[in-house]
Amino acid sequence: MKLTKIKGVAHDLVNYLDFQIWFGYYKNIQKDVVTDVIQKKNPFDVMCVEFFKERLPESFDFSRIKNILVKIHRSANSLNIKVEVKVDDKKFLYAHKSTMG
C-alpha cells in the first residue's frame, strides 16, 4: 500500500467531520479541539481511529502510525479542520475550511 493513501483517508475524515459538526452528531462539539486520537481519550478519538482502521487495508500494520492529530477551530459561521498523520518518519497533512451561509 502506498502511504499517500493515508492522506486520502485524512481527507475523508475531514469531510466527514465537516458535515457532522455543521449538521450531525458533533454539532455541539466545543469551539476548539486539539487531540491526538491515537490515545483514545474519549468517544470522539475512538471514532476517528476506527474511521482510519476501516479504510486502510487489513495488511497495513496500524502500529506504524505514531499519531493522528486532529485540530478543529469553530466560530459562529466558519470551521477549520486539520488532520496531521505521522507514519514512520513521514507526515501527511490535510486542512479544510468551510463556512455556513
PDB file of N, CA and C in Angstrom:
ATOM      1  N   MET A   1       0.827  -1.172   0.000  1.00  0.00           N
ATOM      2  CA  MET A   1       0.000   0.000   0.000  1.00  0.00           C
ATOM      3  C   MET A   1       0.880   1.247   0.000  1.00  0.00           C
ATOM      4  N   LYS A   2       0.528   2.208  -0.814  1.00  0.00           N
ATOM      5  CA  LYS A   2       1.244   3.479  -0.823  1.00  0.00           C
ATOM      6  C   LYS A   2       0.801   4.302   0.377  1.00  0.00           C
ATOM      7  N   LEU A   3       1.765   4.917   1.033  1.00  0.00           N
ATOM      8  CA  LEU A   3       1.452   5.708   2.221  1.00  0.00           C
ATOM      9  C   LEU A   3       0.593   6.924   1.902  1.00  0.00           C
ATOM     10  N   THR A   4       0.576   7.365   0.652  1.00  0.00           N
ATOM     11  CA  THR A   4      -0.250   8.515   0.298  1.00  0.00           C
ATOM     12  C   THR A   4      -1.738   8.206   0.477  1.00  0.00           C
ATOM     13  N   LYS A   5      -2.093   6.941   0.543  1.00  0.00           N
ATOM     14  CA  LYS A   5      -3.489   6.571   0.816  1.00  0.00           C
ATOM     15  C   LYS A   5      -3.931   7.137   2.168  1.00  0.00           C
ATOM     16  N   ILE A   6      -2.990   7.274   3.083  1.00  0.00           N
ATOM     17  CA  ILE A   6      -3.307   7.816   4.399  1.00  0.00           C
ATOM     18  C   ILE A   6      -3.785   9.257   4.284  1.00  0.00           C
ATOM     19  N   LYS A   7      -3.185  10.035   3.381  1.00  0.00           N
ATOM     20  CA  LYS A   7      -3.651  11.401   3.177  1.00  0.00           C
ATOM     21  C   LYS A   7      -5.080  11.397   2.638  1.00  0.00           C
ATOM     22  N   GLY A   8      -5.399  10.421   1.805  1.00  0.00           N
ATOM     23  CA  GLY A   8      -6.766  10.290   1.294  1.00  0.00           C
ATOM     24  C   GLY A   8      -7.757   9.982   2.402  1.00  0.00           C
ATOM     25  N   VAL A   9      -7.361   9.138   3.343  1.00  0.00           N
ATOM     26  CA  VAL A   9      -8.234   8.816   4.479  1.00  0.00           C
ATOM     27  C   VAL A   9      -8.388  10.057   5.366  1.00  0.00           C
ATOM     28  N   ALA A  10      -7.313  10.826   5.545  1.00  0.00           N
ATOM     29  CA  ALA A  10      -7.399  12.072   6.313  1.00  0.00           C
ATOM     30  C   ALA A  10      -8.379  13.035   5.635  1.00  0.00           C
ATOM     31  N   HIS A  11      -8.322  13.113   4.313  1.00  0.00           N
ATOM     32  CA  HIS A  11      -9.260  13.933   3.537  1.00  0.00           C
ATOM     33  C   HIS A  11     -10.693  13.494   3.804  1.00  0.00           C
ATOM     34  N   ASP A  12     -10.941  12.189   3.756  1.00  0.00           N
ATOM     35  CA  ASP A  12     -12.287  11.666   4.002  1.00  0.00           C
ATOM     36  C   ASP A  12     -12.755  11.980   5.418  1.00  0.00           C
ATOM     37  N   LEU A  13     -11.857  11.851   6.407  1.00  0.00           N
ATOM     38  CA  LEU A  13     -12.206  12.143   7.794  1.00  0.00           C
ATOM     39  C   LEU A  13     -12.565  13.619   7.952  1.00  0.00           C
ATOM     40  N   VAL A  14     -11.797  14.501   7.347  1.00  0.00           N
ATOM     41  CA  VAL A  14     -12.079  15.937   7.442  1.00  0.00           C
ATOM     42  C   VAL A  14     -13.447  16.254   6.855  1.00  0.00           C
ATOM     43  N   ASN A  15     -13.766  15.688   5.710  1.00  0.00           N
ATOM     44  CA  ASN A  15     -15.072  15.946   5.099  1.00  0.00           C
ATOM     45  C   ASN A  15     -16.207  15.368   5.931  1.00  0.00           C
ATOM     46  N   TYR A  16     -15.994  14.197   6.507  1.00  0.00           N
ATOM     47  CA  TYR A  16     -16.991  13.597   7.390  1.00  0.00           C
ATOM     48  C   TYR A  16     -17.221  14.493   8.610  1.00  0.00           C
ATOM     49  N   LEU A  17     -16.125  14.944   9.234  1.00  0.00           N
ATOM     50  CA  LEU A  17     -16.246  15.806  10.414  1.00  0.00           C
ATOM     51  C   LEU A  17     -16.909  17.132  10.067  1.00  0.00           C
ATOM     52  N   ASP A  18     -16.578  17.679   8.906  1.00  0.00           N
ATOM     53  CA  ASP A  18     -17.189  18.928   8.470  1.00  0.00           C
ATOM     54  C   ASP A  18     -18.705  18.805   8.468  1.00  0.00           C
ATOM     55  N   PHE A  19     -19.215  17.767   7.865  1.00  0.00           N
ATOM     56  CA  PHE A  19     -20.669  17.568   7.809  1.00  0.00           C
ATOM     57  C   PHE A  19     -21.237  17.319   9.201  1.00  0.00           C
ATOM     58  N   GLN A  20     -20.584  16.458   9.975  1.00  0.00           N
ATOM     59  CA  GLN A  20     -21.102  16.107  11.301  1.00  0.00           C
ATOM     60  C   GLN A  20     -21.073  17.298  12.265  1.00  0.00           C
ATOM     61  N   ILE A  21     -20.109  18.186  12.128  1.00  0.00           N
ATOM     62  CA  ILE A  21     -20.036  19.352  13.020  1.00  0.00           C
ATOM     63  C   ILE A  21     -21.099  20.384  12.641  1.00  0.00           C
ATOM     64  N   TRP A  22     -21.339  20.574  11.350  1.00  0.00           N
ATOM     65  CA  TRP A  22     -22.369  21.541  10.952  1.00  0.00           C
ATOM     66  C   TRP A  22     -23.782  21.016  11.173  1.00  0.00           C
ATOM     67  N   PHE A  23     -24.019  19.736  10.825  1.00  0.00           N
ATOM     68  CA  PHE A  23     -25.402  19.260  10.761  1.00  0.00           C
ATOM     69  C   PHE A  23     -25.693  17.993  11.560  1.00  0.00           C
ATOM     70  N   GLY A  24     -24.684  17.331  12.075  1.00  0.00           N
ATOM     71  CA  GLY A  24     -24.921  15.992  12.613  1.00  0.00           C
ATOM     72  C   GLY A  24     -24.554  15.804  14.064  1.00  0.00           C
ATOM     73  N   TYR A  25     -23.959  14.677  14.306  1.00  0.00           N
ATOM     74  CA  TYR A  25     -23.686  14.171  15.639  1.00  0.00           C
ATOM     75  C   TYR A  25     -22.796  15.087  16.462  1.00  0.00           C
ATOM     76  N   TYR A  26     -21.856  15.768  15.843  1.00  0.00           N
ATOM     77  CA  TYR A  26     -20.904  16.613  16.572  1.00  0.00           C
ATOM     78  C   TYR A  26     -21.228  18.095  16.494  1.00  0.00           C
ATOM     79  N   LYS A  27     -22.488  18.456  16.241  1.00  0.00           N
ATOM     80  CA  LYS A  27     -22.817  19.875  16.115  1.00  0.00           C
ATOM     81  C   LYS A  27     -22.677  20.635  17.429  1.00  0.00           C
ATOM     82  N   ASN A  28     -22.591  19.938  18.546  1.00  0.00           N
ATOM     83  CA  ASN A  28     -22.391  20.596  19.838  1.00  0.00           C
ATOM     84  C   ASN A  28     -20.960  20.457  20.348  1.00  0.00           C
ATOM     85  N   ILE A  29     -20.037  20.118  19.469  1.00  0.00           N
ATOM     86  CA  ILE A  29     -18.634  19.961  19.874  1.00  0.00           C
ATOM     87  C   ILE A  29     -18.088  21.319  20.311  1.00  0.00           C
ATOM     88  N   GLN A  30     -17.146  21.290  21.227  1.00  0.00           N
ATOM     89  CA  GLN A  30     -16.583  22.548  21.729  1.00  0.00           C
ATOM     90  C   GLN A  30     -15.945  23.360  20.616  1.00  0.00           C
ATOM     91  N   LYS A  31     -15.715  24.641  20.898  1.00  0.00           N
ATOM     92  CA  LYS A  31     -15.220  25.586  19.895  1.00  0.00           C
ATOM     93  C   LYS A  31     -13.850  25.200  19.344  1.00  0.00           C
ATOM     94  N   ASP A  32     -12.931  24.817  20.220  1.00  0.00           N
ATOM     95  CA  ASP A  32     -11.587  24.434  19.796  1.00  0.00           C
ATOM     96  C   ASP A  32     -11.276  23.020  20.291  1.00  0.00           C
ATOM     97  N   VAL A  33     -10.798  22.192  19.380  1.00  0.00           N
ATOM     98  CA  VAL A  33     -10.415  20.824  19.715  1.00  0.00           C
ATOM     99  C   VAL A  33      -9.013  20.587  19.170  1.00  0.00           C
ATOM    100  N   VAL A  34      -8.126  20.086  20.010  1.00  0.00           N
ATOM    101  CA  VAL A  34      -6.805  19.638  19.587  1.00  0.00           C
ATOM    102  C   VAL A  34      -6.558  18.336  20.317  1.00  0.00           C
ATOM    103  N   THR A  35      -6.479  17.239  19.573  1.00  0.00           N
ATOM    104  CA  THR A  35      -6.335  15.938  20.205  1.00  0.00           C
ATOM    105  C   THR A  35      -5.538  14.980  19.334  1.00  0.00           C
ATOM    106  N   ASP A  36      -4.744  14.161  19.984  1.00  0.00           N
ATOM    107  CA  ASP A  36      -4.076  13.056  19.300  1.00  0.00           C
ATOM    108  C   ASP A  36      -4.983  11.850  19.495  1.00  0.00           C
ATOM    109  N   VAL A  37      -5.737  11.503  18.471  1.00  0.00           N
ATOM    110  CA  VAL A  37      -6.787  10.493  18.616  1.00  0.00           C
ATOM    111  C   VAL A  37      -6.243   9.094  18.880  1.00  0.00           C
ATOM    112  N   ILE A  38      -4.971   8.855  18.598  1.00  0.00           N
ATOM    113  CA  ILE A  38      -4.367   7.551  18.864  1.00  0.00           C
ATOM    114  C   ILE A  38      -4.468   7.204  20.358  1.00  0.00           C
ATOM    115  N   GLN A  39      -4.504   8.216  21.211  1.00  0.00           N
ATOM    116  CA  GLN A  39      -4.573   7.985  22.651  1.00  0.00           C
ATOM    117  C   GLN A  39      -5.952   7.531  23.115  1.00  0.00           C
ATOM    118  N   LYS A  40      -6.972   7.692  22.290  1.00  0.00           N
ATOM    119  CA  LYS A  40      -8.339   7.236  22.562  1.00  0.00           C
ATOM    120  C   LYS A  40      -8.837   7.688  23.937  1.00  0.00           C
ATOM    121  N   LYS A  41      -8.786   8.995  24.196  1.00  0.00           N
ATOM    122  CA  LYS A  41      -9.193   9.554  25.474  1.00  0.00           C
ATOM    123  C   LYS A  41     -10.707   9.689  25.629  1.00  0.00           C
ATOM    124  N   ASN A  42     -11.435   9.687  24.516  1.00  0.00           N
ATOM    125  CA  ASN A  42     -12.892   9.882  24.571  1.00  0.00           C
ATOM    126  C   ASN A  42     -13.541   9.234  23.341  1.00  0.00           C
ATOM    127  N   PRO A  43     -14.866   9.187  23.287  1.00  0.00           N
ATOM    128  CA  PRO A  43     -15.533   8.557  22.129  1.00  0.00           C
ATOM    129  C   PRO A  43     -15.205   9.200  20.790  1.00  0.00           C
ATOM    130  N   PHE A  44     -14.940  10.506  20.770  1.00  0.00           N
ATOM    131  CA  PHE A  44     -14.557  11.179  19.521  1.00  0.00           C
ATOM    132  C   PHE A  44     -13.249  10.600  18.997  1.00  0.00           C
ATOM    133  N   ASP A  45     -12.256  10.449  19.889  1.00  0.00           N
ATOM    134  CA  ASP A  45     -10.959   9.880  19.500  1.00  0.00           C
ATOM    135  C   ASP A  45     -11.125   8.464  18.961  1.00  0.00           C
ATOM    136  N   VAL A  46     -11.925   7.661  19.650  1.00  0.00           N
ATOM    137  CA  VAL A  46     -12.141   6.271  19.232  1.00  0.00           C
ATOM    138  C   VAL A  46     -12.781   6.232  17.851  1.00  0.00           C
ATOM    139  N   MET A  47     -13.758   7.115  17.607  1.00  0.00           N
ATOM    140  CA  MET A  47     -14.419   7.152  16.300  1.00  0.00           C
ATOM    141  C   MET A  47     -13.417   7.482  15.200  1.00  0.00           C
ATOM    142  N   CYS A  48     -12.525   8.449  15.458  1.00  0.00           N
ATOM    143  CA  CYS A  48     -11.542   8.840  14.444  1.00  0.00           C
ATOM    144  C   CYS A  48     -10.570   7.699  14.138  1.00  0.00           C
ATOM    145  N   VAL A  49     -10.119   6.992  15.159  1.00  0.00           N
ATOM    146  CA  VAL A  49      -9.214   5.854  14.951  1.00  0.00           C
ATOM    147  C   VAL A  49      -9.924   4.755  14.162  1.00  0.00           C
ATOM    148  N   GLU A  50     -11.159   4.451  14.521  1.00  0.00           N
ATOM    149  CA  GLU A  50     -11.918   3.435  13.794  1.00  0.00           C
ATOM    150  C   GLU A  50     -12.163   3.848  12.358  1.00  0.00           C
ATOM    151  N   PHE A  51     -12.368   5.142  12.116  1.00  0.00           N
ATOM    152  CA  PHE A  51     -12.538   5.661  10.762  1.00  0.00           C
ATOM    153  C   PHE A  51     -11.330   5.294   9.915  1.00  0.00           C
ATOM    154  N   PHE A  52     -10.134   5.497  10.468  1.00  0.00           N
ATOM    155  CA  PHE A  52      -8.897   5.142   9.751  1.00  0.00           C
ATOM    156  C   PHE A  52      -8.791   3.633   9.564  1.00  0.00           C
ATOM    157  N   LYS A  53      -9.019   2.872  10.623  1.00  0.00           N
ATOM    158  CA  LYS A  53      -8.849   1.416  10.552  1.00  0.00           C
ATOM    159  C   LYS A  53      -9.780   0.790   9.528  1.00  0.00           C
ATOM    160  N   GLU A  54     -11.002   1.288   9.405  1.00  0.00           N
ATOM    161  CA  GLU A  54     -11.964   0.744   8.456  1.00  0.00           C
ATOM    162  C   GLU A  54     -11.553   0.988   7.014  1.00  0.00           C
ATOM    163  N   ARG A  55     -10.796   2.036   6.769  1.00  0.00           N
ATOM    164  CA  ARG A  55     -10.467   2.419   5.398  1.00  0.00           C
ATOM    165  C   ARG A  55      -9.082   2.001   4.934  1.00  0.00           C
ATOM    166  N   LEU A  56      -8.257   1.561   5.868  1.00  0.00           N
ATOM    167  CA  LEU A  56      -6.926   1.078   5.483  1.00  0.00           C
ATOM    168  C   LEU A  56      -6.974  -0.431   5.276  1.00  0.00           C
ATOM    169  N   PRO A  57      -6.154  -0.955   4.396  1.00  0.00           N
ATOM    170  CA  PRO A  57      -6.143  -2.409   4.159  1.00  0.00           C
ATOM    171  C   PRO A  57      -5.797  -3.177   5.430  1.00  0.00           C
ATOM    172  N   GLU A  58      -6.356  -4.360   5.581  1.00  0.00           N
ATOM    173  CA  GLU A  58      -6.078  -5.191   6.754  1.00  0.00           C
ATOM    174  C   GLU A  58      -4.601  -5.528   6.863  1.00  0.00           C
ATOM    175  N   SER A  59      -3.914  -5.562   5.737  1.00  0.00           N
ATOM    176  CA  SER A  59      -2.491  -5.904   5.746  1.00  0.00           C
ATOM    177  C   SER A  59      -1.615  -4.769   6.299  1.00  0.00           C
ATOM    178  N   PHE A  60      -2.172  -3.561   6.432  1.00  0.00           N
ATOM    179  CA  PHE A  60      -1.391  -2.435   6.936  1.00  0.00           C
ATOM    180  C   PHE A  60      -1.207  -2.564   8.445  1.00  0.00           C
ATOM    181  N   ASP A  61       0.019  -2.447   8.900  1.00  0.00           N
ATOM    182  CA  ASP A  61       0.333  -2.519  10.327  1.00  0.00           C
ATOM    183  C   ASP A  61       0.018  -1.159  10.956  1.00  0.00           C
ATOM    184  N   PHE A  62      -1.124  -1.074  11.651  1.00  0.00           N
ATOM    185  CA  PHE A  62      -1.595   0.197  12.197  1.00  0.00           C
ATOM    186  C   PHE A  62      -0.632   0.778  13.227  1.00  0.00           C
ATOM    187  N   SER A  63       0.208  -0.053  13.822  1.00  0.00           N
ATOM    188  CA  SER A  63       1.158   0.445  14.820  1.00  0.00           C
ATOM    189  C   SER A  63       2.236   1.331  14.192  1.00  0.00           C
ATOM    190  N   ARG A  64       2.319   1.354  12.872  1.00  0.00           N
ATOM    191  CA  ARG A  64       3.253   2.249  12.191  1.00  0.00           C
ATOM    192  C   ARG A  64       2.828   3.707  12.322  1.00  0.00           C
ATOM    193  N   ILE A  65       1.546   3.926  12.583  1.00  0.00           N
ATOM    194  CA  ILE A  65       1.048   5.288  12.747  1.00  0.00           C
ATOM    195  C   ILE A  65       1.401   5.759  14.149  1.00  0.00           C
ATOM    196  N   LYS A  66       2.220   6.800  14.223  1.00  0.00           N
ATOM    197  CA  LYS A  66       2.684   7.323  15.514  1.00  0.00           C
ATOM    198  C   LYS A  66       1.662   8.254  16.141  1.00  0.00           C
ATOM    199  N   ASN A  67       1.024   9.089  15.334  1.00  0.00           N
ATOM    200  CA  ASN A  67      -0.051   9.922  15.856  1.00  0.00           C
ATOM    201  C   ASN A  67      -0.975  10.380  14.733  1.00  0.00           C
ATOM    202  N   ILE A  68      -2.188  10.702  15.134  1.00  0.00           N
ATOM    203  CA  ILE A  68      -3.173  11.308  14.256  1.00  0.00           C
ATOM    204  C   ILE A  68      -3.682  12.521  15.023  1.00  0.00           C
ATOM    205  N   LEU A  69      -3.205  13.682  14.647  1.00  0.00           N
ATOM    206  CA  LEU A  69      -3.540  14.912  15.347  1.00  0.00           C
ATOM    207  C   LEU A  69      -4.711  15.581  14.631  1.00  0.00           C
ATOM    208  N   VAL A  70      -5.801  15.781  15.367  1.00  0.00           N
ATOM    209  CA  VAL A  70      -6.988  16.433  14.817  1.00  0.00           C
ATOM    210  C   VAL A  70      -7.124  17.791  15.496  1.00  0.00           C
ATOM    211  N   LYS A  71      -7.173  18.847  14.667  1.00  0.00           N
ATOM    212  CA  LYS A  71      -7.344  20.211  15.182  1.00  0.00           C
ATOM    213  C   LYS A  71      -8.604  20.798  14.553  1.00  0.00           C
ATOM    214  N   ILE A  72      -9.490  21.291  15.404  1.00  0.00           N
ATOM    215  CA  ILE A  72     -10.738  21.890  14.937  1.00  0.00           C
ATOM    216  C   ILE A  72     -10.864  23.264  15.581  1.00  0.00           C
ATOM    217  N   HIS A  73     -11.130  24.263  14.762  1.00  0.00           N
ATOM    218  CA  HIS A  73     -11.460  25.598  15.274  1.00  0.00           C
ATOM    219  C   HIS A  73     -12.783  25.997  14.640  1.00  0.00           C
ATOM    220  N   ARG A  74     -13.733  26.304  15.503  1.00  0.00           N
ATOM    221  CA  ARG A  74     -15.076  26.634  15.046  1.00  0.00           C
ATOM    222  C   ARG A  74     -15.462  28.017  15.547  1.00  0.00           C
ATOM    223  N   SER A  75     -16.000  28.833  14.658  1.00  0.00           N
ATOM    224  CA  SER A  75     -16.576  30.119  15.055  1.00  0.00           C
ATOM    225  C   SER A  75     -18.048  30.093  14.652  1.00  0.00           C
ATOM    226  N   ALA A  76     -18.711  31.203  14.773  1.00  0.00           N
ATOM    227  CA  ALA A  76     -20.153  31.244  14.511  1.00  0.00           C
ATOM    228  C   ALA A  76     -20.525  30.737  13.117  1.00  0.00           C
ATOM    229  N   ASN A  77     -19.736  31.108  12.111  1.00  0.00           N
ATOM    230  CA  ASN A  77     -20.084  30.678  10.758  1.00  0.00           C
ATOM    231  C   ASN A  77     -18.896  30.194   9.931  1.00  0.00           C
ATOM    232  N   SER A  78     -17.820  29.775  10.598  1.00  0.00           N
ATOM    233  CA  SER A  78     -16.704  29.167   9.865  1.00  0.00           C
ATOM    234  C   SER A  78     -16.131  28.009  10.666  1.00  0.00           C
ATOM    235  N   LEU A  79     -15.476  27.134   9.942  1.00  0.00           N
ATOM    236  CA  LEU A  79     -14.934  25.918  10.540  1.00  0.00           C
ATOM    237  C   LEU A  79     -13.613  25.589   9.868  1.00  0.00           C
ATOM    238  N   ASN A  80     -12.571  25.394  10.671  1.00  0.00           N
ATOM    239  CA  ASN A  80     -11.268  24.975  10.171  1.00  0.00           C
ATOM    240  C   ASN A  80     -10.943  23.626  10.785  1.00  0.00           C
ATOM    241  N   ILE A  81     -10.607  22.666   9.948  1.00  0.00           N
ATOM    242  CA  ILE A  81     -10.260  21.332  10.418  1.00  0.00           C
ATOM    243  C   ILE A  81      -8.935  20.942   9.785  1.00  0.00           C
ATOM    244  N   LYS A  82      -8.015  20.431  10.616  1.00  0.00           N
ATOM    245  CA  LYS A  82      -6.743  19.911  10.132  1.00  0.00           C
ATOM    246  C   LYS A  82      -6.543  18.523  10.714  1.00  0.00           C
ATOM    247  N   VAL A  83      -6.082  17.606   9.877  1.00  0.00           N
ATOM    248  CA  VAL A  83      -5.720  16.262  10.330  1.00  0.00           C
ATOM    249  C   VAL A  83      -4.283  16.027   9.879  1.00  0.00           C
ATOM    250  N   GLU A  84      -3.408  15.780  10.847  1.00  0.00           N
ATOM    251  CA  GLU A  84      -1.997  15.513  10.578  1.00  0.00           C
ATOM    252  C   GLU A  84      -1.687  14.098  11.050  1.00  0.00           C
ATOM    253  N   VAL A  85      -1.167  13.297  10.146  1.00  0.00           N
ATOM    254  CA  VAL A  85      -0.862  11.896  10.457  1.00  0.00           C
ATOM    255  C   VAL A  85       0.632  11.680  10.299  1.00  0.00           C
ATOM    256  N   LYS A  86       1.241  11.070  11.313  1.00  0.00           N
ATOM    257  CA  LYS A  86       2.663  10.735  11.235  1.00  0.00           C
ATOM    258  C   LYS A  86       2.787   9.223  11.161  1.00  0.00           C
ATOM    259  N   VAL A  87       3.367   8.760  10.049  1.00  0.00           N
ATOM    260  CA  VAL A  87       3.605   7.337   9.822  1.00  0.00           C
ATOM    261  C   VAL A  87       5.100   7.157   9.640  1.00  0.00           C
ATOM    262  N   ASP A  88       5.679   6.290  10.461  1.00  0.00           N
ATOM    263  CA  ASP A  88       7.125   6.112  10.459  1.00  0.00           C
ATOM    264  C   ASP A  88       7.770   7.499  10.617  1.00  0.00           C
ATOM    265  N   ASP A  89       8.467   7.976   9.603  1.00  0.00           N
ATOM    266  CA  ASP A  89       9.092   9.298   9.677  1.00  0.00           C
ATOM    267  C   ASP A  89       8.465  10.295   8.698  1.00  0.00           C
ATOM    268  N   LYS A  90       7.284   9.971   8.188  1.00  0.00           N
ATOM    269  CA  LYS A  90       6.626  10.849   7.217  1.00  0.00           C
ATOM    270  C   LYS A  90       5.381  11.462   7.842  1.00  0.00           C
ATOM    271  N   LYS A  91       5.129  12.726   7.482  1.00  0.00           N
ATOM    272  CA  LYS A  91       3.932  13.416   7.950  1.00  0.00           C
ATOM    273  C   LYS A  91       3.039  13.724   6.761  1.00  0.00           C
ATOM    274  N   PHE A  92       1.747  13.545   6.980  1.00  0.00           N
ATOM    275  CA  PHE A  92       0.744  13.878   5.984  1.00  0.00           C
ATOM    276  C   PHE A  92      -0.237  14.837   6.633  1.00  0.00           C
ATOM    277  N   LEU A  93      -0.576  15.926   5.945  1.00  0.00           N
ATOM    278  CA  LEU A  93      -1.470  16.920   6.489  1.00  0.00           C
ATOM    279  C   LEU A  93      -2.588  17.199   5.492  1.00  0.00           C
ATOM    280  N   TYR A  94      -3.795  17.243   6.015  1.00  0.00           N
ATOM    281  CA  TYR A  94      -4.916  17.680   5.189  1.00  0.00           C
ATOM    282  C   TYR A  94      -5.663  18.739   5.979  1.00  0.00           C
ATOM    283  N   ALA A  95      -5.878  19.905   5.374  1.00  0.00           N
ATOM    284  CA  ALA A  95      -6.584  21.007   6.020  1.00  0.00           C
ATOM    285  C   ALA A  95      -7.785  21.402   5.181  1.00  0.00           C
ATOM    286  N   HIS A  96      -8.829  21.865   5.874  1.00  0.00           N
ATOM    287  CA  HIS A  96     -10.078  22.195   5.211  1.00  0.00           C
ATOM    288  C   HIS A  96     -10.727  23.383   5.930  1.00  0.00           C
ATOM    289  N   LYS A  97     -11.257  24.305   5.183  1.00  0.00           N
ATOM    290  CA  LYS A  97     -12.005  25.441   5.733  1.00  0.00           C
ATOM    291  C   LYS A  97     -13.369  25.457   5.086  1.00  0.00           C
ATOM    292  N   SER A  98     -14.391  25.710   5.901  1.00  0.00           N
ATOM    293  CA  SER A  98     -15.719  25.847   5.339  1.00  0.00           C
ATOM    294  C   SER A  98     -16.477  26.931   6.091  1.00  0.00           C
ATOM    295  N   THR A  99     -17.514  27.444   5.447  1.00  0.00           N
ATOM    296  CA  THR A  99     -18.350  28.469   6.071  1.00  0.00           C
ATOM    297  C   THR A  99     -19.803  28.074   5.959  1.00  0.00           C
ATOM    298  N   MET A 100     -20.572  28.576   6.877  1.00  0.00           N
ATOM    299  CA  MET A 100     -22.017  28.321   6.879  1.00  0.00           C
ATOM    300  C   MET A 100     -22.685  29.583   6.372  1.00  0.00           C
ATOM    301  N   GLY A 101     -23.551  29.412   5.414  1.00  0.00           N
ATOM    302  CA  GLY A 101     -24.299  30.589   4.980  1.00  0.00           C
ATOM    303  C   GLY A 101     -24.094  30.871   3.587  1.00  0.00           C
TER     304      GLY A 101
END
